[in-house]
Amino acid sequence: MWGPADNGETIGQIGSECGIILEDEVYKDSCRITLEKDGAIALFSITCGVYGLMFHTTFSDDETDAKIKYKGMKKELETFIQSNENASKWCRKFTSKW
């Protein structure tokens, strides 16, 4: 189950892309995804990571697009954590798509 990162205390704080954190969630203490607005590079930034495996950031200048990406990335992260998929293959596929 996804839950708030750091008990929700990161919401409204400045994130890794220098934007204001709008959403910040963790899944099974295995991965994290964060949505920021008004960052240094783009209007919206989505940063995610699978602990001990990879860290990836994607950007958007449109709120609707950013939310679609956030939900899609979140679902793929969850699916990966629940699977036995080869990590190297999955990382290449995920980072190519997002």
PDB file of N, CA and C in Angstrom:
ATOM      1  N   MET A   1       0.840  -1.182   0.000  1.00  0.00           N
ATOM      2  CA  MET A   1       0.000   0.000   0.000  1.00  0.00           C
ATOM      3  C   MET A   1       0.886   1.247   0.000  1.00  0.00           C
ATOM      4  N   TRP A   2       0.545   2.192  -0.839  1.00  0.00           N
ATOM      5  CA  TRP A   2       1.253   3.473  -0.860  1.00  0.00           C
ATOM      6  C   TRP A   2       0.863   4.280   0.382  1.00  0.00           C
ATOM      7  N   GLY A   3       1.820   5.004   0.897  1.00  0.00           N
ATOM      8  CA  GLY A   3       1.562   5.864   2.046  1.00  0.00           C
ATOM      9  C   GLY A   3       2.399   7.121   1.951  1.00  0.00           C
ATOM     10  N   PRO A   4       2.078   8.112   2.759  1.00  0.00           N
ATOM     11  CA  PRO A   4       2.822   9.381   2.710  1.00  0.00           C
ATOM     12  C   PRO A   4       4.270   9.207   3.165  1.00  0.00           C
ATOM     13  N   ALA A   5       5.179   9.835   2.447  1.00  0.00           N
ATOM     14  CA  ALA A   5       6.590   9.829   2.854  1.00  0.00           C
ATOM     15  C   ALA A   5       6.749  10.708   4.089  1.00  0.00           C
ATOM     16  N   ASP A   6       7.553  10.261   5.013  1.00  0.00           N
ATOM     17  CA  ASP A   6       7.847  11.040   6.228  1.00  0.00           C
ATOM     18  C   ASP A   6       6.572  11.554   6.904  1.00  0.00           C
ATOM     19  N   ASN A   7       5.565  10.685   6.962  1.00  0.00           N
ATOM     20  CA  ASN A   7       4.285  11.012   7.620  1.00  0.00           C
ATOM     21  C   ASN A   7       3.629  12.266   7.049  1.00  0.00           C
ATOM     22  N   GLY A   8       3.883  12.549   5.772  1.00  0.00           N
ATOM     23  CA  GLY A   8       3.269  13.696   5.112  1.00  0.00           C
ATOM     24  C   GLY A   8       3.950  15.024   5.386  1.00  0.00           C
ATOM     25  N   GLU A   9       5.024  15.005   6.153  1.00  0.00           N
ATOM     26  CA  GLU A   9       5.693  16.249   6.541  1.00  0.00           C
ATOM     27  C   GLU A   9       6.429  16.926   5.393  1.00  0.00           C
ATOM     28  N   THR A  10       6.644  16.225   4.277  1.00  0.00           N
ATOM     29  CA  THR A  10       7.362  16.820   3.148  1.00  0.00           C
ATOM     30  C   THR A  10       6.461  17.681   2.265  1.00  0.00           C
ATOM     31  N   ILE A  11       5.158  17.500   2.355  1.00  0.00           N
ATOM     32  CA  ILE A  11       4.224  18.272   1.534  1.00  0.00           C
ATOM     33  C   ILE A  11       4.394  19.758   1.851  1.00  0.00           C
ATOM     34  N   GLY A  12       4.567  20.538   0.789  1.00  0.00           N
ATOM     35  CA  GLY A  12       4.760  21.982   0.957  1.00  0.00           C
ATOM     36  C   GLY A  12       6.215  22.388   1.132  1.00  0.00           C
ATOM     37  N   GLN A  13       7.092  21.411   1.304  1.00  0.00           N
ATOM     38  CA  GLN A  13       8.516  21.685   1.441  1.00  0.00           C
ATOM     39  C   GLN A  13       9.173  21.778   0.057  1.00  0.00           C
ATOM     40  N   ILE A  14      10.423  22.162   0.004  1.00  0.00           N
ATOM     41  CA  ILE A  14      11.175  22.219  -1.243  1.00  0.00           C
ATOM     42  C   ILE A  14      11.783  20.838  -1.500  1.00  0.00           C
ATOM     43  N   GLY A  15      11.603  20.354  -2.734  1.00  0.00           N
ATOM     44  CA  GLY A  15      12.082  19.034  -3.092  1.00  0.00           C
ATOM     45  C   GLY A  15      13.431  19.054  -3.795  1.00  0.00           C
ATOM     46  N   SER A  16      13.833  17.897  -4.277  1.00  0.00           N
ATOM     47  CA  SER A  16      15.149  17.736  -4.911  1.00  0.00           C
ATOM     48  C   SER A  16      15.288  18.528  -6.204  1.00  0.00           C
ATOM     49  N   GLU A  17      14.175  18.869  -6.838  1.00  0.00           N
ATOM     50  CA  GLU A  17      14.203  19.663  -8.076  1.00  0.00           C
ATOM     51  C   GLU A  17      13.907  21.133  -7.807  1.00  0.00           C
ATOM     52  N   CYS A  18      14.022  21.532  -6.543  1.00  0.00           N
ATOM     53  CA  CYS A  18      13.841  22.930  -6.106  1.00  0.00           C
ATOM     54  C   CYS A  18      12.411  23.447  -6.285  1.00  0.00           C
ATOM     55  N   GLY A  19      11.458  22.524  -6.334  1.00  0.00           N
ATOM     56  CA  GLY A  19      10.051  22.901  -6.419  1.00  0.00           C
ATOM     57  C   GLY A  19       9.334  22.581  -5.122  1.00  0.00           C
ATOM     58  N   ILE A  20       8.088  23.016  -5.045  1.00  0.00           N
ATOM     59  CA  ILE A  20       7.257  22.747  -3.871  1.00  0.00           C
ATOM     60  C   ILE A  20       6.650  21.353  -4.010  1.00  0.00           C
ATOM     61  N   ILE A  21       6.822  20.530  -3.007  1.00  0.00           N
ATOM     62  CA  ILE A  21       6.314  19.161  -3.042  1.00  0.00           C
ATOM     63  C   ILE A  21       4.796  19.172  -2.894  1.00  0.00           C
ATOM     64  N   LEU A  22       4.119  18.591  -3.897  1.00  0.00           N
ATOM     65  CA  LEU A  22       2.663  18.464  -3.886  1.00  0.00           C
ATOM     66  C   LEU A  22       2.229  17.085  -3.411  1.00  0.00           C
ATOM     67  N   GLU A  23       2.972  16.059  -3.830  1.00  0.00           N
ATOM     68  CA  GLU A  23       2.685  14.675  -3.440  1.00  0.00           C
ATOM     69  C   GLU A  23       4.014  13.978  -3.209  1.00  0.00           C
ATOM     70  N   ASP A  24       4.040  13.105  -2.212  1.00  0.00           N
ATOM     71  CA  ASP A  24       5.269  12.392  -1.879  1.00  0.00           C
ATOM     72  C   ASP A  24       4.867  11.097  -1.184  1.00  0.00           C
ATOM     73  N   GLU A  25       5.092   9.964  -1.864  1.00  0.00           N
ATOM     74  CA  GLU A  25       4.616   8.683  -1.360  1.00  0.00           C
ATOM     75  C   GLU A  25       5.684   7.599  -1.420  1.00  0.00           C
ATOM     76  N   VAL A  26       5.549   6.630  -0.516  1.00  0.00           N
ATOM     77  CA  VAL A  26       6.425   5.464  -0.503  1.00  0.00           C
ATOM     78  C   VAL A  26       5.566   4.208  -0.612  1.00  0.00           C
ATOM     79  N   TYR A  27       6.189   3.150  -1.152  1.00  0.00           N
ATOM     80  CA  TYR A  27       5.491   1.870  -1.303  1.00  0.00           C
ATOM     81  C   TYR A  27       6.321   0.764  -0.673  1.00  0.00           C
ATOM     82  N   LYS A  28       5.770   0.142   0.360  1.00  0.00           N
ATOM     83  CA  LYS A  28       6.384  -1.018   1.020  1.00  0.00           C
ATOM     84  C   LYS A  28       7.856  -0.795   1.375  1.00  0.00           C
ATOM     85  N   ASP A  29       8.205   0.389   1.771  1.00  0.00           N
ATOM     86  CA  ASP A  29       9.601   0.710   2.101  1.00  0.00           C
ATOM     87  C   ASP A  29      10.568   0.260   1.014  1.00  0.00           C
ATOM     88  N   SER A  30      10.079   0.269  -0.247  1.00  0.00           N
ATOM     89  CA  SER A  30      10.882  -0.198  -1.379  1.00  0.00           C
ATOM     90  C   SER A  30      11.115   0.871  -2.434  1.00  0.00           C
ATOM     91  N   CYS A  31      10.177   1.812  -2.554  1.00  0.00           N
ATOM     92  CA  CYS A  31      10.315   2.852  -3.574  1.00  0.00           C
ATOM     93  C   CYS A  31       9.572   4.109  -3.132  1.00  0.00           C
ATOM     94  N   ARG A  32       9.885   5.203  -3.828  1.00  0.00           N
ATOM     95  CA  ARG A  32       9.298   6.507  -3.487  1.00  0.00           C
ATOM     96  C   ARG A  32       9.051   7.280  -4.772  1.00  0.00           C
ATOM     97  N   ILE A  33       8.002   8.093  -4.758  1.00  0.00           N
ATOM     98  CA  ILE A  33       7.703   8.972  -5.886  1.00  0.00           C
ATOM     99  C   ILE A  33       7.249  10.324  -5.342  1.00  0.00           C
ATOM    100  N   THR A  34       7.725  11.380  -5.991  1.00  0.00           N
ATOM    101  CA  THR A  34       7.456  12.743  -5.529  1.00  0.00           C
ATOM    102  C   THR A  34       7.062  13.624  -6.709  1.00  0.00           C
ATOM    103  N   LEU A  35       6.036  14.434  -6.519  1.00  0.00           N
ATOM    104  CA  LEU A  35       5.593  15.410  -7.514  1.00  0.00           C
ATOM    105  C   LEU A  35       5.851  16.805  -6.973  1.00  0.00           C
ATOM    106  N   GLU A  36       6.580  17.602  -7.753  1.00  0.00           N
ATOM    107  CA  GLU A  36       6.886  18.979  -7.369  1.00  0.00           C
ATOM    108  C   GLU A  36       6.359  19.956  -8.412  1.00  0.00           C
ATOM    109  N   LYS A  37       6.084  21.169  -7.962  1.00  0.00           N
ATOM    110  CA  LYS A  37       5.654  22.253  -8.849  1.00  0.00           C
ATOM    111  C   LYS A  37       6.628  23.421  -8.713  1.00  0.00           C
ATOM    112  N   ASP A  38       6.834  24.113  -9.842  1.00  0.00           N
ATOM    113  CA  ASP A  38       7.679  25.315  -9.884  1.00  0.00           C
ATOM    114  C   ASP A  38       9.144  25.025  -9.550  1.00  0.00           C
ATOM    115  N   GLY A  39       9.656  23.957 -10.125  1.00  0.00           N
ATOM    116  CA  GLY A  39      11.052  23.599  -9.904  1.00  0.00           C
ATOM    117  C   GLY A  39      12.010  24.406 -10.770  1.00  0.00           C
ATOM    118  N   ALA A  40      13.281  24.095 -10.655  1.00  0.00           N
ATOM    119  CA  ALA A  40      14.333  24.831 -11.361  1.00  0.00           C
ATOM    120  C   ALA A  40      14.328  24.572 -12.864  1.00  0.00           C
ATOM    121  N   ILE A  41      13.908  23.366 -13.290  1.00  0.00           N
ATOM    122  CA  ILE A  41      13.995  22.998 -14.702  1.00  0.00           C
ATOM    123  C   ILE A  41      12.648  23.098 -15.428  1.00  0.00           C
ATOM    124  N   ALA A  42      11.582  22.734 -14.745  1.00  0.00           N
ATOM    125  CA  ALA A  42      10.262  22.700 -15.393  1.00  0.00           C
ATOM    126  C   ALA A  42       9.182  23.058 -14.380  1.00  0.00           C
ATOM    127  N   LEU A  43       8.003  23.322 -14.898  1.00  0.00           N
ATOM    128  CA  LEU A  43       6.874  23.650 -14.029  1.00  0.00           C
ATOM    129  C   LEU A  43       6.547  22.498 -13.087  1.00  0.00           C
ATOM    130  N   PHE A  44       6.618  21.253 -13.592  1.00  0.00           N
ATOM    131  CA  PHE A  44       6.360  20.069 -12.774  1.00  0.00           C
ATOM    132  C   PHE A  44       7.498  19.074 -12.931  1.00  0.00           C
ATOM    133  N   SER A  45       7.866  18.444 -11.829  1.00  0.00           N
ATOM    134  CA  SER A  45       8.898  17.408 -11.819  1.00  0.00           C
ATOM    135  C   SER A  45       8.348  16.195 -11.086  1.00  0.00           C
ATOM    136  N   ILE A  46       8.587  15.021 -11.630  1.00  0.00           N
ATOM    137  CA  ILE A  46       8.222  13.774 -10.971  1.00  0.00           C
ATOM    138  C   ILE A  46       9.518  13.004 -10.770  1.00  0.00           C
ATOM    139  N   THR A  47       9.877  12.781  -9.532  1.00  0.00           N
ATOM    140  CA  THR A  47      11.099  12.069  -9.183  1.00  0.00           C
ATOM    141  C   THR A  47      10.710  10.776  -8.492  1.00  0.00           C
ATOM    142  N   CYS A  48      11.373   9.685  -8.882  1.00  0.00           N
ATOM    143  CA  CYS A  48      11.082   8.416  -8.236  1.00  0.00           C
ATOM    144  C   CYS A  48      12.360   7.616  -8.078  1.00  0.00           C
ATOM    145  N   GLY A  49      12.291   6.642  -7.212  1.00  0.00           N
ATOM    146  CA  GLY A  49      13.422   5.763  -7.013  1.00  0.00           C
ATOM    147  C   GLY A  49      12.996   4.442  -6.435  1.00  0.00           C
ATOM    148  N   VAL A  50      13.727   3.405  -6.810  1.00  0.00           N
ATOM    149  CA  VAL A  50      13.596   2.099  -6.184  1.00  0.00           C
ATOM    150  C   VAL A  50      14.843   1.973  -5.330  1.00  0.00           C
ATOM    151  N   TYR A  51      14.676   1.839  -4.037  1.00  0.00           N
ATOM    152  CA  TYR A  51      15.786   1.868  -3.102  1.00  0.00           C
ATOM    153  C   TYR A  51      16.847   0.833  -3.476  1.00  0.00           C
ATOM    154  N   GLY A  52      18.077   1.305  -3.578  1.00  0.00           N
ATOM    155  CA  GLY A  52      19.199   0.453  -3.899  1.00  0.00           C
ATOM    156  C   GLY A  52      19.316   0.058  -5.355  1.00  0.00           C
ATOM    157  N   LEU A  53      18.423   0.601  -6.217  1.00  0.00           N
ATOM    158  CA  LEU A  53      18.437   0.191  -7.618  1.00  0.00           C
ATOM    159  C   LEU A  53      18.565   1.361  -8.581  1.00  0.00           C
ATOM    160  N   MET A  54      17.662   2.331  -8.491  1.00  0.00           N
ATOM    161  CA  MET A  54      17.680   3.424  -9.457  1.00  0.00           C
ATOM    162  C   MET A  54      16.969   4.652  -8.912  1.00  0.00           C
ATOM    163  N   PHE A  55      17.262   5.786  -9.573  1.00  0.00           N
ATOM    164  CA  PHE A  55      16.662   7.083  -9.281  1.00  0.00           C
ATOM    165  C   PHE A  55      16.388   7.730 -10.631  1.00  0.00           C
ATOM    166  N   HIS A  56      15.184   8.279 -10.826  1.00  0.00           N
ATOM    167  CA  HIS A  56      14.820   8.822 -12.134  1.00  0.00           C
ATOM    168  C   HIS A  56      13.904  10.033 -11.960  1.00  0.00           C
ATOM    169  N   THR A  57      14.095  11.034 -12.816  1.00  0.00           N
ATOM    170  CA  THR A  57      13.254  12.230 -12.803  1.00  0.00           C
ATOM    171  C   THR A  57      12.765  12.518 -14.212  1.00  0.00           C
ATOM    172  N   THR A  58      11.502  12.899 -14.306  1.00  0.00           N
ATOM    173  CA  THR A  58      10.924  13.344 -15.573  1.00  0.00           C
ATOM    174  C   THR A  58      10.219  14.674 -15.329  1.00  0.00           C
ATOM    175  N   PHE A  59       9.934  15.396 -16.394  1.00  0.00           N
ATOM    176  CA  PHE A  59       9.425  16.757 -16.267  1.00  0.00           C
ATOM    177  C   PHE A  59       8.195  16.976 -17.140  1.00  0.00           C
ATOM    178  N   SER A  60       7.429  18.015 -16.790  1.00  0.00           N
ATOM    179  CA  SER A  60       6.267  18.405 -17.580  1.00  0.00           C
ATOM    180  C   SER A  60       5.998  19.892 -17.361  1.00  0.00           C
ATOM    181  N   ASP A  61       5.465  20.518 -18.390  1.00  0.00           N
ATOM    182  CA  ASP A  61       5.040  21.914 -18.263  1.00  0.00           C
ATOM    183  C   ASP A  61       3.523  22.030 -18.176  1.00  0.00           C
ATOM    184  N   ASP A  62       2.861  20.880 -17.994  1.00  0.00           N
ATOM    185  CA  ASP A  62       1.398  20.838 -17.967  1.00  0.00           C
ATOM    186  C   ASP A  62       0.939  20.011 -16.759  1.00  0.00           C
ATOM    187  N   GLU A  63       0.050  20.563 -15.951  1.00  0.00           N
ATOM    188  CA  GLU A  63      -0.399  19.899 -14.729  1.00  0.00           C
ATOM    189  C   GLU A  63      -1.113  18.575 -15.011  1.00  0.00           C
ATOM    190  N   THR A  64      -1.980  18.551 -16.017  1.00  0.00           N
ATOM    191  CA  THR A  64      -2.694  17.316 -16.348  1.00  0.00           C
ATOM    192  C   THR A  64      -1.717  16.229 -16.772  1.00  0.00           C
ATOM    193  N   ASP A  65      -0.769  16.587 -17.630  1.00  0.00           N
ATOM    194  CA  ASP A  65       0.250  15.634 -18.073  1.00  0.00           C
ATOM    195  C   ASP A  65       1.085  15.147 -16.888  1.00  0.00           C
ATOM    196  N   ALA A  66       1.455  16.029 -16.001  1.00  0.00           N
ATOM    197  CA  ALA A  66       2.257  15.655 -14.834  1.00  0.00           C
ATOM    198  C   ALA A  66       1.514  14.660 -13.949  1.00  0.00           C
ATOM    199  N   LYS A  67       0.233  14.878 -13.743  1.00  0.00           N
ATOM    200  CA  LYS A  67      -0.557  13.964 -12.909  1.00  0.00           C
ATOM    201  C   LYS A  67      -0.729  12.607 -13.574  1.00  0.00           C
ATOM    202  N   ILE A  68      -0.877  12.597 -14.895  1.00  0.00           N
ATOM    203  CA  ILE A  68      -0.971  11.330 -15.635  1.00  0.00           C
ATOM    204  C   ILE A  68       0.346  10.568 -15.510  1.00  0.00           C
ATOM    205  N   LYS A  69       1.455  11.264 -15.683  1.00  0.00           N
ATOM    206  CA  LYS A  69       2.768  10.626 -15.535  1.00  0.00           C
ATOM    207  C   LYS A  69       2.951  10.095 -14.121  1.00  0.00           C
ATOM    208  N   TYR A  70       2.604  10.886 -13.136  1.00  0.00           N
ATOM    209  CA  TYR A  70       2.757  10.485 -11.736  1.00  0.00           C
ATOM    210  C   TYR A  70       1.991   9.186 -11.466  1.00  0.00           C
ATOM    211  N   LYS A  71       0.745   9.145 -11.887  1.00  0.00           N
ATOM    212  CA  LYS A  71      -0.077   7.946 -11.651  1.00  0.00           C
ATOM    213  C   LYS A  71       0.466   6.736 -12.411  1.00  0.00           C
ATOM    214  N   GLY A  72       0.889   6.947 -13.650  1.00  0.00           N
ATOM    215  CA  GLY A  72       1.426   5.857 -14.453  1.00  0.00           C
ATOM    216  C   GLY A  72       2.729   5.319 -13.884  1.00  0.00           C
ATOM    217  N   MET A  73       3.617   6.215 -13.494  1.00  0.00           N
ATOM    218  CA  MET A  73       4.889   5.802 -12.912  1.00  0.00           C
ATOM    219  C   MET A  73       4.662   5.067 -11.590  1.00  0.00           C
ATOM    220  N   LYS A  74       3.750   5.573 -10.814  1.00  0.00           N
ATOM    221  CA  LYS A  74       3.431   4.966  -9.527  1.00  0.00           C
ATOM    222  C   LYS A  74       2.937   3.525  -9.716  1.00  0.00           C
ATOM    223  N   LYS A  75       2.062   3.332 -10.677  1.00  0.00           N
ATOM    224  CA  LYS A  75       1.537   1.993 -10.957  1.00  0.00           C
ATOM    225  C   LYS A  75       2.651   1.053 -11.414  1.00  0.00           C
ATOM    226  N   GLU A  76       3.538   1.528 -12.286  1.00  0.00           N
ATOM    227  CA  GLU A  76       4.630   0.687 -12.773  1.00  0.00           C
ATOM    228  C   GLU A  76       5.631   0.366 -11.661  1.00  0.00           C
ATOM    229  N   LEU A  77       5.884   1.300 -10.775  1.00  0.00           N
ATOM    230  CA  LEU A  77       6.758   1.029  -9.635  1.00  0.00           C
ATOM    231  C   LEU A  77       6.156  -0.052  -8.747  1.00  0.00           C
ATOM    232  N   GLU A  78       4.882   0.077  -8.455  1.00  0.00           N
ATOM    233  CA  GLU A  78       4.181  -0.904  -7.624  1.00  0.00           C
ATOM    234  C   GLU A  78       4.224  -2.293  -8.264  1.00  0.00           C
ATOM    235  N   THR A  79       3.934  -2.355  -9.552  1.00  0.00           N
ATOM    236  CA  THR A  79       3.945  -3.628 -10.264  1.00  0.00           C
ATOM    237  C   THR A  79       5.327  -4.264 -10.217  1.00  0.00           C
ATOM    238  N   PHE A  80       6.365  -3.460 -10.414  1.00  0.00           N
ATOM    239  CA  PHE A  80       7.719  -3.982 -10.375  1.00  0.00           C
ATOM    240  C   PHE A  80       8.054  -4.550  -8.998  1.00  0.00           C
ATOM    241  N   ILE A  81       7.730  -3.823  -7.936  1.00  0.00           N
ATOM    242  CA  ILE A  81       8.045  -4.271  -6.576  1.00  0.00           C
ATOM    243  C   ILE A  81       7.364  -5.608  -6.285  1.00  0.00           C
ATOM    244  N   GLN A  82       6.185  -5.821  -6.834  1.00  0.00           N
ATOM    245  CA  GLN A  82       5.440  -7.059  -6.596  1.00  0.00           C
ATOM    246  C   GLN A  82       5.878  -8.204  -7.510  1.00  0.00           C
ATOM    247  N   SER A  83       6.724  -7.920  -8.489  1.00  0.00           N
ATOM    248  CA  SER A  83       7.091  -8.925  -9.491  1.00  0.00           C
ATOM    249  C   SER A  83       8.475  -9.519  -9.225  1.00  0.00           C
ATOM    250  N   ASN A  84       8.824 -10.462 -10.065  1.00  0.00           N
ATOM    251  CA  ASN A  84      10.168 -11.041 -10.062  1.00  0.00           C
ATOM    252  C   ASN A  84      10.910 -10.635 -11.334  1.00  0.00           C
ATOM    253  N   GLU A  85      10.479  -9.529 -11.932  1.00  0.00           N
ATOM    254  CA  GLU A  85      11.063  -9.068 -13.192  1.00  0.00           C
ATOM    255  C   GLU A  85      12.544  -8.720 -13.022  1.00  0.00           C
ATOM    256  N   ASN A  86      13.312  -8.972 -14.050  1.00  0.00           N
ATOM    257  CA  ASN A  86      14.731  -8.641 -14.063  1.00  0.00           C
ATOM    258  C   ASN A  86      14.889  -7.136 -13.865  1.00  0.00           C
ATOM    259  N   ALA A  87      15.622  -6.747 -12.836  1.00  0.00           N
ATOM    260  CA  ALA A  87      15.747  -5.336 -12.469  1.00  0.00           C
ATOM    261  C   ALA A  87      16.401  -4.505 -13.558  1.00  0.00           C
ATOM    262  N   SER A  88      17.434  -5.016 -14.166  1.00  0.00           N
ATOM    263  CA  SER A  88      18.150  -4.277 -15.203  1.00  0.00           C
ATOM    264  C   SER A  88      17.243  -4.000 -16.405  1.00  0.00           C
ATOM    265  N   LYS A  89      16.532  -5.014 -16.853  1.00  0.00           N
ATOM    266  CA  LYS A  89      15.599  -4.842 -17.986  1.00  0.00           C
ATOM    267  C   LYS A  89      14.495  -3.859 -17.624  1.00  0.00           C
ATOM    268  N   TRP A  90      13.961  -4.013 -16.435  1.00  0.00           N
ATOM    269  CA  TRP A  90      12.859  -3.149 -16.014  1.00  0.00           C
ATOM    270  C   TRP A  90      13.318  -1.689 -15.969  1.00  0.00           C
ATOM    271  N   CYS A  91      14.493  -1.433 -15.415  1.00  0.00           N
ATOM    272  CA  CYS A  91      15.009  -0.066 -15.331  1.00  0.00           C
ATOM    273  C   CYS A  91      15.151   0.562 -16.708  1.00  0.00           C
ATOM    274  N   ARG A  92      15.702  -0.178 -17.650  1.00  0.00           N
ATOM    275  CA  ARG A  92      15.861   0.362 -19.008  1.00  0.00           C
ATOM    276  C   ARG A  92      14.502   0.686 -19.621  1.00  0.00           C
ATOM    277  N   LYS A  93      13.553  -0.212 -19.458  1.00  0.00           N
ATOM    278  CA  LYS A  93      12.209  -0.017 -20.012  1.00  0.00           C
ATOM    279  C   LYS A  93      11.521   1.189 -19.355  1.00  0.00           C
ATOM    280  N   PHE A  94      11.598   1.259 -18.041  1.00  0.00           N
ATOM    281  CA  PHE A  94      10.951   2.332 -17.288  1.00  0.00           C
ATOM    282  C   PHE A  94      11.526   3.702 -17.641  1.00  0.00           C
ATOM    283  N   THR A  95      12.858   3.809 -17.634  1.00  0.00           N
ATOM    284  CA  THR A  95      13.472   5.113 -17.889  1.00  0.00           C
ATOM    285  C   THR A  95      13.333   5.530 -19.359  1.00  0.00           C
ATOM    286  N   SER A  96      13.220   4.568 -20.263  1.00  0.00           N
ATOM    287  CA  SER A  96      12.974   4.903 -21.664  1.00  0.00           C
ATOM    288  C   SER A  96      11.558   5.446 -21.863  1.00  0.00           C
ATOM    289  N   LYS A  97      10.616   4.852 -21.146  1.00  0.00           N
ATOM    290  CA  LYS A  97       9.213   5.276 -21.269  1.00  0.00           C
ATOM    291  C   LYS A  97       8.977   6.628 -20.603  1.00  0.00           C
ATOM    292  N   TRP A  98       9.508   6.816 -19.432  1.00  0.00           N
ATOM    293  CA  TRP A  98       9.253   8.028 -18.655  1.00  0.00           C
ATOM    294  C   TRP A  98      10.434   8.969 -18.707  1.00  0.00           C
TER     295      TRP A  98
END
